[in-house]
């Protein structure tokens, strides 16, 4: 079995700036709780699992990390866009739950409870006003942090980064899927590639 999916993503979580999960640091929200609740939406610009074409599919996952990532016992729920076919949705679920190996197979050692897959309309807006909406579950807007020169602040070479380099910022709105509700605080976005063909030592993404 072989897969490759690539495209762009936007993520939001409950952590105060800056979320430490990508560096395996202890998460902390605005109330001082040492846990991370979040959701991330991914657009697959190009992708496949064996002979199943995944190009154009959007999906999202909801997470609960009770501590730093390598402590494990994660809770995860998956949403696949309602416009995707059943074969496509099944392929995305197999990839994300680690059954097809690759980077998600490596991460599956940290999974505690898989909360299942749902279908819903998903929209991901890029450009000047990044945002995502998962029908009936989440509606989140993103604003990047910027440096002295006005360009977005980025994080590079993070252990559990979705991408080798990603932009960070603030989010607002609401999110409550799989009973993992949270008030959006931190956000990030970037371009990703997840593949069974990634070589050892390459950034493998985090979920």
N, C-alpha and C. Protein backbone atom coordinates (compact mmCIF):
# COMPACT_ATOMS: atom_id res chain seq x y z
N UNK A 1 0.84 -1.19 0.00
CA UNK A 1 0.00 0.00 0.00
C UNK A 1 0.89 1.25 0.00
N UNK A 2 0.50 2.25 -0.79
CA UNK A 2 1.28 3.48 -0.87
C UNK A 2 0.33 4.67 -0.97
N UNK A 3 0.69 5.75 -0.30
CA UNK A 3 -0.10 6.97 -0.42
C UNK A 3 0.80 8.19 -0.42
N UNK A 4 0.29 9.25 -1.03
CA UNK A 4 0.87 10.58 -0.95
C UNK A 4 -0.28 11.57 -0.98
N UNK A 5 -0.31 12.47 -0.03
CA UNK A 5 -1.28 13.57 -0.06
C UNK A 5 -0.52 14.86 0.21
N UNK A 6 -0.88 15.90 -0.52
CA UNK A 6 -0.21 17.20 -0.35
C UNK A 6 -1.21 18.32 -0.59
N UNK A 7 -0.96 19.44 0.04
CA UNK A 7 -1.84 20.59 -0.11
C UNK A 7 -1.56 21.61 0.97
N UNK A 8 -2.60 22.24 1.48
CA UNK A 8 -2.45 23.26 2.52
C UNK A 8 -3.39 22.97 3.68
N UNK A 9 -3.05 23.51 4.85
CA UNK A 9 -3.85 23.27 6.04
C UNK A 9 -3.96 24.53 6.88
N UNK A 10 -4.97 24.55 7.74
CA UNK A 10 -5.15 25.59 8.74
C UNK A 10 -5.59 24.90 10.02
N UNK A 11 -4.90 25.19 11.12
CA UNK A 11 -5.18 24.53 12.40
C UNK A 11 -5.45 25.56 13.49
N UNK A 12 -6.22 25.14 14.48
CA UNK A 12 -6.54 25.99 15.63
C UNK A 12 -6.59 25.12 16.87
N UNK A 13 -6.19 25.69 18.01
CA UNK A 13 -6.29 24.93 19.25
C UNK A 13 -6.48 25.86 20.43
N UNK A 14 -6.62 25.25 21.60
CA UNK A 14 -6.91 25.98 22.84
C UNK A 14 -5.68 26.58 23.50
N UNK A 15 -4.49 26.24 23.02
CA UNK A 15 -3.26 26.67 23.67
C UNK A 15 -3.04 28.18 23.54
N UNK A 16 -2.51 28.78 24.61
CA UNK A 16 -2.09 30.17 24.52
C UNK A 16 -0.83 30.22 23.67
N UNK A 17 -0.57 31.38 23.09
CA UNK A 17 0.59 31.51 22.21
C UNK A 17 1.88 31.25 22.96
N UNK A 18 2.76 30.45 22.40
CA UNK A 18 2.63 29.67 21.18
C UNK A 18 2.40 28.22 21.57
N UNK A 19 1.57 27.47 20.85
CA UNK A 19 1.33 26.07 21.17
C UNK A 19 2.64 25.30 21.11
N UNK A 20 2.93 24.54 22.17
CA UNK A 20 4.18 23.80 22.24
C UNK A 20 4.11 22.39 21.71
N UNK A 21 2.93 21.96 21.24
CA UNK A 21 2.79 20.56 20.83
C UNK A 21 3.76 20.16 19.73
N UNK A 22 4.01 21.06 18.80
CA UNK A 22 4.92 20.72 17.70
C UNK A 22 6.32 20.43 18.19
N UNK A 23 6.68 20.94 19.38
CA UNK A 23 8.00 20.72 19.95
C UNK A 23 7.97 19.71 21.09
N UNK A 24 6.83 19.02 21.27
CA UNK A 24 6.63 18.05 22.34
C UNK A 24 6.71 18.70 23.72
N UNK A 25 6.34 19.97 23.80
CA UNK A 25 6.31 20.67 25.08
C UNK A 25 4.94 20.47 25.73
N UNK A 26 4.86 20.73 27.02
CA UNK A 26 3.60 20.61 27.75
C UNK A 26 2.63 21.69 27.28
N UNK A 27 1.44 21.31 26.78
CA UNK A 27 0.49 22.34 26.36
C UNK A 27 -0.11 23.07 27.56
N UNK A 28 -0.65 24.25 27.31
CA UNK A 28 -1.29 25.04 28.37
C UNK A 28 -2.30 25.98 27.73
N UNK A 29 -3.53 25.97 28.26
CA UNK A 29 -4.54 26.88 27.74
C UNK A 29 -4.65 28.12 28.62
N UNK A 30 -5.55 29.01 28.26
CA UNK A 30 -5.66 30.29 28.95
C UNK A 30 -6.09 30.14 30.41
N UNK A 31 -6.70 29.01 30.76
CA UNK A 31 -7.12 28.77 32.14
C UNK A 31 -6.06 28.02 32.94
N UNK A 32 -4.92 27.74 32.32
CA UNK A 32 -3.85 27.04 33.00
C UNK A 32 -3.92 25.53 32.92
N UNK A 33 -4.89 25.00 32.16
CA UNK A 33 -4.99 23.55 31.99
C UNK A 33 -3.89 23.04 31.07
N UNK A 34 -3.26 21.95 31.45
CA UNK A 34 -2.13 21.44 30.68
C UNK A 34 -2.60 20.35 29.71
N UNK A 35 -3.38 20.79 28.73
CA UNK A 35 -3.90 19.91 27.71
C UNK A 35 -4.13 20.74 26.45
N UNK A 36 -4.31 20.06 25.32
CA UNK A 36 -4.56 20.75 24.06
C UNK A 36 -5.78 20.14 23.39
N UNK A 37 -6.74 21.00 23.10
CA UNK A 37 -7.90 20.62 22.30
C UNK A 37 -7.84 21.43 21.01
N UNK A 38 -8.01 20.77 19.88
CA UNK A 38 -7.87 21.51 18.64
C UNK A 38 -8.54 20.82 17.47
N UNK A 39 -8.51 21.51 16.37
CA UNK A 39 -8.95 20.94 15.11
C UNK A 39 -8.12 21.55 13.98
N UNK A 40 -7.98 20.78 12.92
CA UNK A 40 -7.21 21.22 11.75
C UNK A 40 -7.93 20.76 10.50
N UNK A 41 -7.95 21.63 9.51
CA UNK A 41 -8.57 21.31 8.22
C UNK A 41 -7.49 21.24 7.16
N UNK A 42 -7.54 20.19 6.35
CA UNK A 42 -6.57 19.95 5.29
C UNK A 42 -7.26 19.87 3.94
N UNK A 43 -6.72 20.58 2.97
CA UNK A 43 -7.15 20.44 1.58
C UNK A 43 -6.12 19.61 0.85
N UNK A 44 -6.57 18.53 0.21
CA UNK A 44 -5.67 17.70 -0.59
C UNK A 44 -5.68 18.23 -2.02
N UNK A 45 -4.63 18.94 -2.39
CA UNK A 45 -4.53 19.43 -3.77
C UNK A 45 -4.23 18.28 -4.72
N UNK A 46 -3.32 17.41 -4.30
CA UNK A 46 -2.98 16.22 -5.06
C UNK A 46 -2.80 15.06 -4.10
N UNK A 47 -3.30 13.89 -4.45
CA UNK A 47 -3.11 12.77 -3.55
C UNK A 47 -3.74 11.49 -4.05
N UNK A 48 -3.28 10.40 -3.48
CA UNK A 48 -3.82 9.09 -3.82
C UNK A 48 -3.49 8.10 -2.71
N UNK A 49 -4.28 7.06 -2.62
CA UNK A 49 -3.95 5.85 -1.87
C UNK A 49 -4.10 4.71 -2.86
N UNK A 50 -2.99 4.13 -3.26
CA UNK A 50 -2.99 3.13 -4.32
C UNK A 50 -3.69 3.70 -5.55
N UNK A 51 -4.82 3.12 -5.97
CA UNK A 51 -5.49 3.61 -7.18
C UNK A 51 -6.67 4.53 -6.87
N UNK A 52 -6.81 4.97 -5.63
CA UNK A 52 -7.89 5.88 -5.26
C UNK A 52 -7.38 7.32 -5.34
N UNK A 53 -7.95 8.11 -6.22
CA UNK A 53 -7.56 9.51 -6.39
C UNK A 53 -8.19 10.35 -5.28
N UNK A 54 -7.36 11.05 -4.51
CA UNK A 54 -7.84 11.87 -3.40
C UNK A 54 -7.74 13.36 -3.69
N UNK A 55 -7.38 13.73 -4.89
CA UNK A 55 -7.22 15.15 -5.24
C UNK A 55 -8.55 15.89 -5.07
N UNK A 56 -8.49 17.03 -4.39
CA UNK A 56 -9.68 17.84 -4.18
C UNK A 56 -10.44 17.54 -2.92
N UNK A 57 -10.06 16.50 -2.18
CA UNK A 57 -10.78 16.12 -0.96
C UNK A 57 -10.34 17.00 0.21
N UNK A 58 -11.29 17.44 1.01
CA UNK A 58 -11.01 18.15 2.26
C UNK A 58 -11.35 17.25 3.44
N UNK A 59 -10.52 17.33 4.47
CA UNK A 59 -10.82 16.58 5.69
C UNK A 59 -10.36 17.37 6.90
N UNK A 60 -10.85 16.99 8.05
CA UNK A 60 -10.49 17.66 9.31
C UNK A 60 -10.37 16.62 10.40
N UNK A 61 -9.54 16.90 11.37
CA UNK A 61 -9.53 16.06 12.56
C UNK A 61 -9.63 16.93 13.81
N UNK A 62 -10.25 16.35 14.82
CA UNK A 62 -10.36 16.96 16.14
C UNK A 62 -9.46 16.19 17.09
N UNK A 63 -8.74 16.90 17.95
CA UNK A 63 -7.80 16.23 18.84
C UNK A 63 -7.96 16.64 20.28
N UNK A 64 -7.63 15.71 21.15
CA UNK A 64 -7.44 15.97 22.57
C UNK A 64 -6.12 15.35 22.96
N UNK A 65 -5.16 16.21 23.33
CA UNK A 65 -3.87 15.76 23.81
C UNK A 65 -3.82 16.06 25.31
N UNK A 66 -3.85 15.04 26.17
CA UNK A 66 -3.92 15.28 27.61
C UNK A 66 -2.61 15.77 28.23
N UNK A 67 -1.53 15.70 27.46
CA UNK A 67 -0.23 16.13 27.94
C UNK A 67 0.65 16.39 26.72
N UNK A 68 1.97 16.43 26.92
CA UNK A 68 2.85 16.57 25.75
C UNK A 68 2.68 15.35 24.85
N UNK A 69 2.96 15.50 23.56
CA UNK A 69 2.52 14.52 22.57
C UNK A 69 3.06 13.12 22.80
N UNK A 70 4.33 13.00 23.16
CA UNK A 70 4.89 11.66 23.30
C UNK A 70 4.41 10.95 24.57
N UNK A 71 3.62 11.64 25.42
CA UNK A 71 2.99 10.97 26.55
C UNK A 71 1.84 10.09 26.09
N UNK A 72 1.36 10.33 24.86
CA UNK A 72 0.35 9.47 24.27
C UNK A 72 -1.05 9.68 24.81
N UNK A 73 -1.90 8.68 24.61
CA UNK A 73 -3.30 8.67 25.04
C UNK A 73 -4.12 9.75 24.34
N UNK A 74 -3.80 10.00 23.06
CA UNK A 74 -4.54 10.99 22.29
C UNK A 74 -5.95 10.51 22.00
N UNK A 75 -6.89 11.47 21.90
CA UNK A 75 -8.21 11.21 21.35
C UNK A 75 -8.30 11.93 20.01
N UNK A 76 -8.84 11.24 19.00
CA UNK A 76 -8.91 11.80 17.66
C UNK A 76 -10.24 11.48 17.02
N UNK A 77 -10.84 12.49 16.38
CA UNK A 77 -12.04 12.29 15.58
C UNK A 77 -11.82 12.85 14.19
N UNK A 78 -12.36 12.21 13.18
CA UNK A 78 -12.13 12.58 11.78
C UNK A 78 -13.43 13.03 11.13
N UNK A 79 -13.35 14.09 10.32
CA UNK A 79 -14.46 14.53 9.47
C UNK A 79 -13.96 14.58 8.04
N UNK A 80 -14.68 13.95 7.13
CA UNK A 80 -14.36 14.01 5.70
C UNK A 80 -15.49 14.75 5.00
N UNK A 81 -15.12 15.64 4.10
CA UNK A 81 -16.09 16.47 3.42
C UNK A 81 -17.18 15.63 2.76
N UNK A 82 -18.41 16.11 2.86
CA UNK A 82 -19.55 15.37 2.33
C UNK A 82 -19.53 15.23 0.82
N UNK A 83 -18.75 16.05 0.13
CA UNK A 83 -18.65 15.94 -1.32
C UNK A 83 -17.73 14.81 -1.76
N UNK A 84 -16.92 14.28 -0.88
CA UNK A 84 -16.02 13.17 -1.21
C UNK A 84 -16.83 11.88 -1.36
N UNK A 85 -16.36 11.00 -2.23
CA UNK A 85 -17.01 9.71 -2.40
C UNK A 85 -16.71 8.79 -1.23
N UNK A 86 -17.49 7.73 -1.11
CA UNK A 86 -17.30 6.79 -0.01
C UNK A 86 -15.93 6.12 -0.06
N UNK A 87 -15.47 5.80 -1.27
CA UNK A 87 -14.15 5.18 -1.41
C UNK A 87 -13.06 6.15 -0.98
N UNK A 88 -13.23 7.43 -1.33
CA UNK A 88 -12.27 8.45 -0.91
C UNK A 88 -12.28 8.63 0.60
N UNK A 89 -13.47 8.69 1.20
CA UNK A 89 -13.56 8.85 2.64
C UNK A 89 -12.91 7.68 3.36
N UNK A 90 -13.14 6.47 2.87
CA UNK A 90 -12.53 5.29 3.48
C UNK A 90 -11.01 5.36 3.38
N UNK A 91 -10.50 5.82 2.23
CA UNK A 91 -9.05 5.92 2.04
C UNK A 91 -8.44 6.93 3.01
N UNK A 92 -9.09 8.09 3.17
CA UNK A 92 -8.59 9.11 4.11
C UNK A 92 -8.59 8.55 5.53
N UNK A 93 -9.63 7.85 5.91
CA UNK A 93 -9.69 7.28 7.25
C UNK A 93 -8.57 6.27 7.47
N UNK A 94 -8.31 5.44 6.49
CA UNK A 94 -7.25 4.44 6.61
C UNK A 94 -5.88 5.12 6.76
N UNK A 95 -5.66 6.22 6.02
CA UNK A 95 -4.40 6.94 6.13
C UNK A 95 -4.27 7.58 7.51
N UNK A 96 -5.29 8.32 7.93
CA UNK A 96 -5.21 9.10 9.16
C UNK A 96 -5.14 8.22 10.41
N UNK A 97 -5.72 7.06 10.38
CA UNK A 97 -5.69 6.19 11.55
C UNK A 97 -4.44 5.32 11.60
N UNK A 98 -3.58 5.44 10.59
CA UNK A 98 -2.29 4.76 10.62
C UNK A 98 -2.26 3.38 10.03
N UNK A 99 -3.40 2.86 9.54
CA UNK A 99 -3.41 1.49 9.05
C UNK A 99 -2.66 1.30 7.74
N UNK A 100 -2.38 2.43 7.05
CA UNK A 100 -1.63 2.35 5.79
C UNK A 100 -0.15 2.67 5.98
N UNK A 101 0.30 2.78 7.22
CA UNK A 101 1.71 3.02 7.50
C UNK A 101 2.12 4.46 7.22
N UNK A 102 3.37 4.66 6.87
CA UNK A 102 3.88 6.01 6.62
C UNK A 102 3.93 6.84 7.88
N UNK A 103 3.91 8.17 7.75
CA UNK A 103 4.02 9.03 8.94
C UNK A 103 2.90 8.83 9.95
N UNK A 104 1.68 8.56 9.47
CA UNK A 104 0.58 8.34 10.41
C UNK A 104 0.68 6.99 11.09
N UNK A 105 1.27 6.03 10.42
CA UNK A 105 1.54 4.76 11.06
C UNK A 105 2.51 4.92 12.21
N UNK A 106 3.53 5.77 12.04
CA UNK A 106 4.48 6.05 13.11
C UNK A 106 3.79 6.72 14.30
N UNK A 107 2.88 7.64 14.00
CA UNK A 107 2.20 8.38 15.07
C UNK A 107 1.15 7.56 15.80
N UNK A 108 0.69 6.48 15.18
CA UNK A 108 -0.40 5.70 15.78
C UNK A 108 -0.02 5.09 17.13
N UNK A 109 1.27 5.00 17.43
CA UNK A 109 1.70 4.49 18.74
C UNK A 109 1.22 5.38 19.89
N UNK A 110 0.88 6.63 19.57
CA UNK A 110 0.45 7.57 20.60
C UNK A 110 -1.07 7.65 20.73
N UNK A 111 -1.80 6.96 19.85
CA UNK A 111 -3.26 7.04 19.87
C UNK A 111 -3.82 6.32 21.09
N UNK A 112 -4.78 6.95 21.75
CA UNK A 112 -5.48 6.31 22.84
C UNK A 112 -6.87 5.87 22.43
N UNK A 113 -7.64 6.80 21.86
CA UNK A 113 -9.02 6.50 21.47
C UNK A 113 -9.35 7.18 20.16
N UNK A 114 -9.79 6.38 19.19
CA UNK A 114 -10.28 6.93 17.93
C UNK A 114 -11.78 7.11 18.05
N UNK A 115 -12.25 8.34 17.81
CA UNK A 115 -13.65 8.69 18.03
C UNK A 115 -14.52 8.49 16.80
N UNK A 116 -13.94 8.00 15.71
CA UNK A 116 -14.73 7.69 14.53
C UNK A 116 -14.68 8.77 13.47
N UNK A 117 -15.37 8.48 12.36
CA UNK A 117 -15.42 9.40 11.22
C UNK A 117 -16.85 9.90 11.02
N UNK A 118 -16.97 11.18 10.71
CA UNK A 118 -18.23 11.79 10.35
C UNK A 118 -18.10 12.42 8.97
N UNK A 119 -19.24 12.69 8.35
CA UNK A 119 -19.26 13.40 7.07
C UNK A 119 -19.96 14.74 7.28
N UNK A 120 -19.39 15.82 6.76
CA UNK A 120 -19.98 17.15 6.85
C UNK A 120 -19.33 18.04 5.80
N UNK A 121 -20.00 19.12 5.47
CA UNK A 121 -19.42 20.08 4.54
C UNK A 121 -18.26 20.80 5.20
N UNK A 122 -17.15 20.91 4.49
CA UNK A 122 -15.95 21.57 4.99
C UNK A 122 -15.53 22.64 4.00
N UNK A 123 -15.21 23.82 4.49
CA UNK A 123 -14.67 24.87 3.64
C UNK A 123 -13.39 25.41 4.28
N UNK A 124 -12.39 25.65 3.45
CA UNK A 124 -11.11 26.19 3.89
C UNK A 124 -10.76 27.36 3.00
N UNK A 125 -10.68 28.55 3.61
CA UNK A 125 -10.36 29.76 2.87
C UNK A 125 -8.91 30.16 3.11
N UNK A 126 -8.19 30.43 2.05
CA UNK A 126 -6.80 30.87 2.16
C UNK A 126 -6.73 32.34 1.78
N UNK A 127 -5.54 32.88 1.61
CA UNK A 127 -5.41 34.25 1.15
C UNK A 127 -5.41 35.26 2.28
N UNK A 128 -6.07 36.41 2.07
CA UNK A 128 -6.00 37.52 3.02
C UNK A 128 -6.76 37.25 4.31
N UNK A 129 -7.81 36.43 4.26
CA UNK A 129 -8.62 36.15 5.44
C UNK A 129 -8.77 34.65 5.62
N UNK A 130 -7.71 34.00 6.09
CA UNK A 130 -7.78 32.54 6.28
C UNK A 130 -8.84 32.16 7.30
N UNK A 131 -9.58 31.10 7.01
CA UNK A 131 -10.64 30.64 7.90
C UNK A 131 -11.04 29.23 7.48
N UNK A 132 -11.70 28.53 8.40
CA UNK A 132 -12.32 27.28 8.00
C UNK A 132 -13.66 27.13 8.70
N UNK A 133 -14.53 26.35 8.05
CA UNK A 133 -15.84 26.05 8.62
C UNK A 133 -16.13 24.58 8.39
N UNK A 134 -16.55 23.91 9.44
CA UNK A 134 -17.01 22.52 9.38
C UNK A 134 -18.45 22.56 9.82
N UNK A 135 -19.35 22.27 8.91
CA UNK A 135 -20.77 22.51 9.12
C UNK A 135 -21.27 21.89 10.42
N UNK A 136 -21.84 22.77 11.26
CA UNK A 136 -22.43 22.34 12.51
C UNK A 136 -21.44 22.06 13.62
N UNK A 137 -20.13 22.20 13.35
CA UNK A 137 -19.12 21.85 14.34
C UNK A 137 -18.15 22.98 14.65
N UNK A 138 -17.62 23.64 13.64
CA UNK A 138 -16.56 24.62 13.85
C UNK A 138 -16.65 25.77 12.87
N UNK A 139 -16.30 26.96 13.34
CA UNK A 139 -16.22 28.16 12.52
C UNK A 139 -15.08 29.00 13.08
N UNK A 140 -13.93 29.02 12.40
CA UNK A 140 -12.71 29.59 12.96
C UNK A 140 -12.05 30.55 11.97
N UNK A 141 -11.61 31.69 12.48
CA UNK A 141 -10.88 32.67 11.68
C UNK A 141 -9.45 32.80 12.22
N UNK A 142 -8.53 33.11 11.32
CA UNK A 142 -7.10 33.12 11.64
C UNK A 142 -6.49 34.47 11.30
N UNK A 143 -5.57 34.94 12.17
CA UNK A 143 -4.80 36.16 11.94
C UNK A 143 -3.34 35.87 12.24
N UNK A 144 -2.42 36.04 11.28
CA UNK A 144 -1.03 35.69 11.52
C UNK A 144 -0.34 36.65 12.49
N UNK A 145 0.62 36.13 13.24
CA UNK A 145 1.57 36.98 13.95
C UNK A 145 2.58 37.49 12.93
N UNK A 146 3.08 38.70 13.15
CA UNK A 146 4.04 39.26 12.21
C UNK A 146 5.30 39.75 12.92
N UNK A 147 6.39 39.77 12.18
CA UNK A 147 7.66 40.25 12.69
C UNK A 147 7.86 41.73 12.44
N UNK A 148 9.05 42.25 12.79
CA UNK A 148 9.32 43.68 12.61
C UNK A 148 9.17 44.18 11.18
N UNK A 149 9.40 43.27 10.21
CA UNK A 149 9.28 43.68 8.81
C UNK A 149 7.88 43.50 8.26
N UNK A 150 6.94 43.07 9.12
CA UNK A 150 5.56 42.92 8.68
C UNK A 150 5.22 41.58 8.06
N UNK A 151 6.20 40.71 7.90
CA UNK A 151 5.92 39.40 7.31
C UNK A 151 5.50 38.42 8.41
N UNK A 152 4.77 37.36 8.05
CA UNK A 152 4.29 36.42 9.06
C UNK A 152 5.43 35.71 9.80
N UNK A 153 5.21 35.48 11.08
CA UNK A 153 6.14 34.71 11.91
C UNK A 153 6.00 33.23 11.57
N UNK A 154 7.13 32.53 11.47
CA UNK A 154 7.09 31.11 11.14
C UNK A 154 7.90 30.28 12.14
N UNK A 155 7.58 29.00 12.16
CA UNK A 155 8.31 28.00 12.95
C UNK A 155 8.90 27.01 11.96
N UNK A 156 10.15 26.65 12.17
CA UNK A 156 10.85 25.78 11.22
C UNK A 156 11.45 24.58 11.94
N UNK A 157 11.38 23.42 11.29
CA UNK A 157 12.05 22.20 11.76
C UNK A 157 11.54 21.73 13.12
N UNK A 158 10.22 21.83 13.33
CA UNK A 158 9.61 21.36 14.58
C UNK A 158 9.46 19.84 14.54
N UNK A 159 9.69 19.20 15.67
CA UNK A 159 9.67 17.74 15.75
C UNK A 159 8.36 17.16 15.26
N UNK A 160 7.23 17.75 15.69
CA UNK A 160 5.91 17.25 15.30
C UNK A 160 5.17 18.24 14.41
N UNK A 161 5.89 18.99 13.61
CA UNK A 161 5.25 19.95 12.72
C UNK A 161 4.50 19.26 11.59
N UNK A 162 3.37 19.84 11.19
CA UNK A 162 2.68 19.34 10.01
C UNK A 162 3.52 19.54 8.76
N UNK A 163 4.40 20.54 8.80
CA UNK A 163 5.22 20.91 7.64
C UNK A 163 6.61 21.30 8.13
N UNK A 164 7.62 21.24 7.25
CA UNK A 164 8.97 21.65 7.64
C UNK A 164 9.04 23.09 8.14
N UNK A 165 8.16 23.95 7.62
CA UNK A 165 8.05 25.33 8.08
C UNK A 165 6.59 25.75 7.98
N UNK A 166 6.08 26.40 9.03
CA UNK A 166 4.68 26.81 9.02
C UNK A 166 4.53 28.16 9.70
N UNK A 167 3.47 28.85 9.31
CA UNK A 167 3.15 30.17 9.82
C UNK A 167 2.31 30.03 11.08
N UNK A 168 2.51 30.94 12.05
CA UNK A 168 1.73 30.88 13.28
C UNK A 168 0.97 32.17 13.52
N UNK A 169 -0.12 32.07 14.29
CA UNK A 169 -0.94 33.25 14.56
C UNK A 169 -1.97 32.98 15.62
N UNK A 170 -3.01 33.82 15.61
CA UNK A 170 -4.11 33.72 16.56
C UNK A 170 -5.37 33.28 15.82
N UNK A 171 -6.25 32.60 16.55
CA UNK A 171 -7.53 32.24 15.98
C UNK A 171 -8.66 32.66 16.92
N UNK A 172 -9.84 32.81 16.33
CA UNK A 172 -11.04 33.10 17.10
C UNK A 172 -12.22 32.41 16.43
N UNK A 173 -13.30 32.30 17.18
CA UNK A 173 -14.48 31.63 16.67
C UNK A 173 -14.98 30.60 17.66
N UNK A 174 -15.43 29.46 17.15
CA UNK A 174 -15.93 28.40 18.03
C UNK A 174 -15.67 27.05 17.38
N UNK A 175 -15.49 26.04 18.23
CA UNK A 175 -15.28 24.69 17.74
C UNK A 175 -15.74 23.69 18.78
N UNK A 176 -16.55 22.71 18.35
CA UNK A 176 -17.08 21.73 19.30
C UNK A 176 -17.47 20.46 18.56
N UNK A 177 -16.49 19.72 18.10
CA UNK A 177 -16.75 18.44 17.46
C UNK A 177 -16.33 17.29 18.35
N UNK A 178 -17.07 16.18 18.31
CA UNK A 178 -16.74 14.97 19.07
C UNK A 178 -16.65 15.24 20.58
N UNK A 179 -17.43 16.21 21.07
CA UNK A 179 -17.40 16.60 22.49
C UNK A 179 -16.02 17.07 22.92
N UNK A 180 -15.28 17.65 21.98
CA UNK A 180 -13.95 18.19 22.28
C UNK A 180 -13.96 19.70 22.06
N UNK A 181 -14.94 20.37 22.65
CA UNK A 181 -15.10 21.79 22.46
C UNK A 181 -13.96 22.60 23.06
N UNK A 182 -13.66 23.73 22.43
CA UNK A 182 -12.64 24.64 22.95
C UNK A 182 -12.84 26.03 22.37
N UNK A 183 -12.27 27.02 23.04
CA UNK A 183 -12.25 28.39 22.54
C UNK A 183 -10.96 28.59 21.77
N UNK A 184 -11.03 28.84 20.47
CA UNK A 184 -9.81 28.99 19.67
C UNK A 184 -8.91 30.10 20.19
N UNK A 185 -7.62 29.81 20.27
CA UNK A 185 -6.61 30.77 20.71
C UNK A 185 -5.45 30.83 19.72
N UNK A 186 -4.73 29.72 19.61
CA UNK A 186 -3.55 29.62 18.74
C UNK A 186 -3.97 29.11 17.36
N UNK A 187 -3.20 29.49 16.35
CA UNK A 187 -3.44 28.97 15.01
C UNK A 187 -2.15 28.84 14.23
N UNK A 188 -2.21 28.02 13.18
CA UNK A 188 -1.08 27.89 12.27
C UNK A 188 -1.57 27.43 10.91
N UNK A 189 -0.76 27.70 9.90
CA UNK A 189 -1.10 27.24 8.56
C UNK A 189 0.17 27.02 7.75
N UNK A 190 0.05 26.23 6.71
CA UNK A 190 1.21 25.96 5.87
C UNK A 190 0.86 24.98 4.78
N UNK A 191 1.87 24.55 4.07
CA UNK A 191 1.75 23.54 3.02
C UNK A 191 2.36 22.24 3.53
N UNK A 192 1.71 21.14 3.25
CA UNK A 192 2.14 19.86 3.81
C UNK A 192 2.31 18.82 2.71
N UNK A 193 3.10 17.78 3.01
CA UNK A 193 3.19 16.57 2.21
C UNK A 193 3.29 15.40 3.18
N UNK A 194 2.39 14.45 3.09
CA UNK A 194 2.46 13.22 3.86
C UNK A 194 2.53 12.06 2.88
N UNK A 195 3.51 11.18 3.06
CA UNK A 195 3.71 10.12 2.09
C UNK A 195 4.38 8.91 2.71
N UNK A 196 4.03 7.73 2.22
CA UNK A 196 4.73 6.52 2.63
C UNK A 196 6.15 6.49 2.08
N UNK A 197 6.44 7.38 1.14
CA UNK A 197 7.77 7.42 0.52
C UNK A 197 8.71 8.41 1.18
N UNK A 198 8.25 9.09 2.25
CA UNK A 198 9.13 10.01 2.97
C UNK A 198 10.29 9.23 3.58
N UNK A 199 11.47 9.81 3.47
CA UNK A 199 12.66 9.15 3.96
C UNK A 199 12.82 9.37 5.45
N UNK A 200 13.55 8.48 6.08
CA UNK A 200 13.82 8.58 7.51
C UNK A 200 14.49 9.91 7.82
N UNK A 201 14.01 10.57 8.86
CA UNK A 201 14.57 11.86 9.25
C UNK A 201 13.82 13.03 8.70
N UNK A 202 12.91 12.82 7.70
CA UNK A 202 12.11 13.91 7.19
C UNK A 202 11.00 14.24 8.19
N UNK A 203 10.56 15.52 8.23
CA UNK A 203 9.43 15.85 9.09
C UNK A 203 8.23 14.99 8.72
N UNK A 204 7.55 14.42 9.73
CA UNK A 204 6.51 13.46 9.45
C UNK A 204 5.10 13.95 9.74
N UNK A 205 4.96 15.19 10.16
CA UNK A 205 3.62 15.68 10.46
C UNK A 205 3.16 15.26 11.84
N UNK A 206 2.15 15.96 12.35
CA UNK A 206 1.61 15.62 13.66
C UNK A 206 0.11 15.60 13.56
N UNK A 207 -0.52 14.71 14.29
CA UNK A 207 -1.97 14.73 14.39
C UNK A 207 -2.37 14.45 15.85
